[in-house]
Amino acid sequence: MSPVARFALVAIDTDIPEELARFYADVTGWQIEPHDDSRWIQLTSDSGATIAFQRVEDHNPPEWPGSAHPQQLHIDFEVDDLDAGEDAVLALGARKADYQPGTSFRVYLDPSGHPFCLVQS
């Protein structure tokens, strides 16, 4: 069976798209695409994977864990060393989530409040 579609990108709602794009560019090493509109900013990787950041006025960040403002999605990043990865993302402006449900990964909140994980590779 042939696929119906090809993955293009994941878009994240935020009230701070430029700051969030810089944060994830520092986390991944991906490039911020040139843009004229601060309402939509994209990062692209060498492989073509893309993360976009979309301005949403009055953005309500997710509360993780919980269902009042659910996360709806999160991004996992593999690291060789969880402690070194943690130090790096905290220095970039992430916050470690209070609730940590596992030992082979850790949950953090980006500057806009979205959960993401560092996973031991």
Protein backbone atom coordinates (compact mmCIF):
# COMPACT_ATOMS: atom_id res chain seq x y z
CA MET A 1 0.00 0.00 0.00
CA SER A 2 1.41 3.38 -0.93
CA PRO A 3 1.29 6.22 1.57
CA VAL A 4 -1.41 8.84 1.34
CA ALA A 5 0.89 11.70 2.32
CA ARG A 6 4.42 12.66 3.35
CA PHE A 7 5.29 14.28 6.65
CA ALA A 8 5.99 17.99 6.19
CA LEU A 9 6.32 19.62 9.62
CA VAL A 10 5.03 19.93 13.15
CA ALA A 11 3.71 23.36 14.19
CA ILE A 12 3.70 24.55 17.79
CA ASP A 13 1.37 27.29 19.03
CA THR A 14 3.01 29.96 21.17
CA ASP A 15 2.83 33.65 22.00
CA ILE A 16 6.64 33.91 21.60
CA PRO A 17 7.50 32.30 18.22
CA GLU A 18 10.86 34.04 17.75
CA GLU A 19 12.10 33.14 21.24
CA LEU A 20 10.84 29.56 20.91
CA ALA A 21 12.48 29.17 17.47
CA ARG A 22 15.81 30.36 18.92
CA PHE A 23 15.43 27.94 21.86
CA TYR A 24 14.83 24.91 19.63
CA ALA A 25 17.53 26.03 17.17
CA ASP A 26 19.97 25.97 20.10
CA VAL A 27 18.67 22.56 21.24
CA THR A 28 18.84 20.92 17.78
CA GLY A 29 21.46 22.92 15.86
CA TRP A 30 18.89 23.39 13.08
CA GLN A 31 18.67 26.62 11.12
CA ILE A 32 15.95 29.24 11.45
CA GLU A 33 14.61 29.89 7.96
CA PRO A 34 14.62 33.50 6.78
CA HIS A 35 11.19 35.02 7.37
CA ASP A 36 9.30 38.27 6.90
CA ASP A 37 6.41 37.42 9.19
CA SER A 38 6.97 36.96 12.94
CA ARG A 39 3.66 35.05 13.17
CA TRP A 40 5.17 31.90 11.53
CA ILE A 41 8.81 30.86 11.95
CA GLN A 42 10.36 27.56 10.86
CA LEU A 43 13.45 25.53 11.73
CA THR A 44 14.75 23.05 9.17
CA SER A 45 17.17 20.20 9.54
CA ASP A 46 19.61 18.80 7.00
CA SER A 47 17.24 15.85 6.56
CA GLY A 48 14.29 18.11 5.76
CA ALA A 49 12.43 17.70 9.05
CA THR A 50 10.80 20.98 10.08
CA ILE A 51 9.45 22.48 13.30
CA ALA A 52 7.30 25.59 12.91
CA PHE A 53 6.24 28.10 15.55
CA GLN A 54 2.91 29.85 15.11
CA ARG A 55 1.94 33.00 17.02
CA VAL A 56 -1.31 32.61 18.95
CA GLU A 57 -2.46 35.62 20.91
CA ASP A 58 -3.50 34.86 24.50
CA HIS A 59 -1.74 31.49 24.31
CA ASN A 60 -2.49 29.21 27.26
CA PRO A 61 0.44 26.83 27.73
CA PRO A 62 -0.26 23.19 28.49
CA GLU A 63 -0.12 21.95 32.06
CA TRP A 64 1.70 18.65 32.26
CA PRO A 65 0.57 16.29 33.55
CA GLY A 66 -3.09 17.14 33.55
CA SER A 67 -6.17 17.43 31.43
CA ALA A 68 -7.32 21.02 32.05
CA HIS A 69 -4.78 22.24 29.47
CA PRO A 70 -3.40 18.99 27.95
CA GLN A 71 -0.07 18.86 26.16
CA GLN A 72 -1.65 17.44 22.96
CA LEU A 73 1.83 16.66 21.59
CA HIS A 74 5.44 16.71 22.66
CA ILE A 75 8.83 16.27 20.99
CA ASP A 76 11.46 13.73 22.05
CA PHE A 77 15.18 14.43 21.54
CA GLU A 78 17.75 11.65 21.92
CA VAL A 79 20.89 12.38 23.96
CA ASP A 80 23.93 10.27 24.81
CA ASP A 81 24.00 11.51 28.42
CA LEU A 82 20.85 12.62 30.26
CA ASP A 83 22.72 14.69 32.85
CA ALA A 84 24.74 16.59 30.23
CA GLY A 85 21.60 17.07 28.12
CA GLU A 86 19.73 18.38 31.14
CA ASP A 87 22.46 20.87 31.96
CA ALA A 88 22.42 22.09 28.36
CA VAL A 89 18.65 22.58 27.98
CA LEU A 90 18.36 24.24 31.40
CA ALA A 91 21.11 26.68 30.39
CA LEU A 92 19.10 27.45 27.23
CA GLY A 93 15.99 28.36 29.25
CA ALA A 94 14.08 25.09 29.71
CA ARG A 95 12.55 24.15 33.06
CA LYS A 96 12.53 20.61 34.41
CA ALA A 97 8.98 19.35 34.95
CA ASP A 98 8.12 18.53 38.55
CA TYR A 99 6.64 15.18 37.56
CA GLN A 100 9.11 12.67 36.07
CA PRO A 101 7.38 9.40 35.10
CA GLY A 102 10.42 7.38 33.98
CA THR A 103 14.15 6.84 34.35
CA SER A 104 15.33 6.51 30.73
CA PHE A 105 13.93 9.94 29.78
CA ARG A 106 13.27 13.30 31.42
CA VAL A 107 10.50 15.81 30.83
CA TYR A 108 11.18 19.54 30.47
CA LEU A 109 9.11 22.61 29.63
CA ASP A 110 10.27 24.93 26.86
CA PRO A 111 10.16 28.74 27.34
CA SER A 112 6.53 28.75 26.18
CA GLY A 113 5.51 25.93 28.56
CA HIS A 114 5.33 23.02 26.07
CA PRO A 115 6.62 19.68 27.38
CA PHE A 116 9.48 17.96 25.57
CA CYS A 117 11.64 15.00 26.53
CA LEU A 118 15.29 14.13 26.49
CA VAL A 119 15.60 10.39 25.90
CA GLN A 120 18.69 8.30 26.69
CA SER A 121 19.88 6.90 23.36
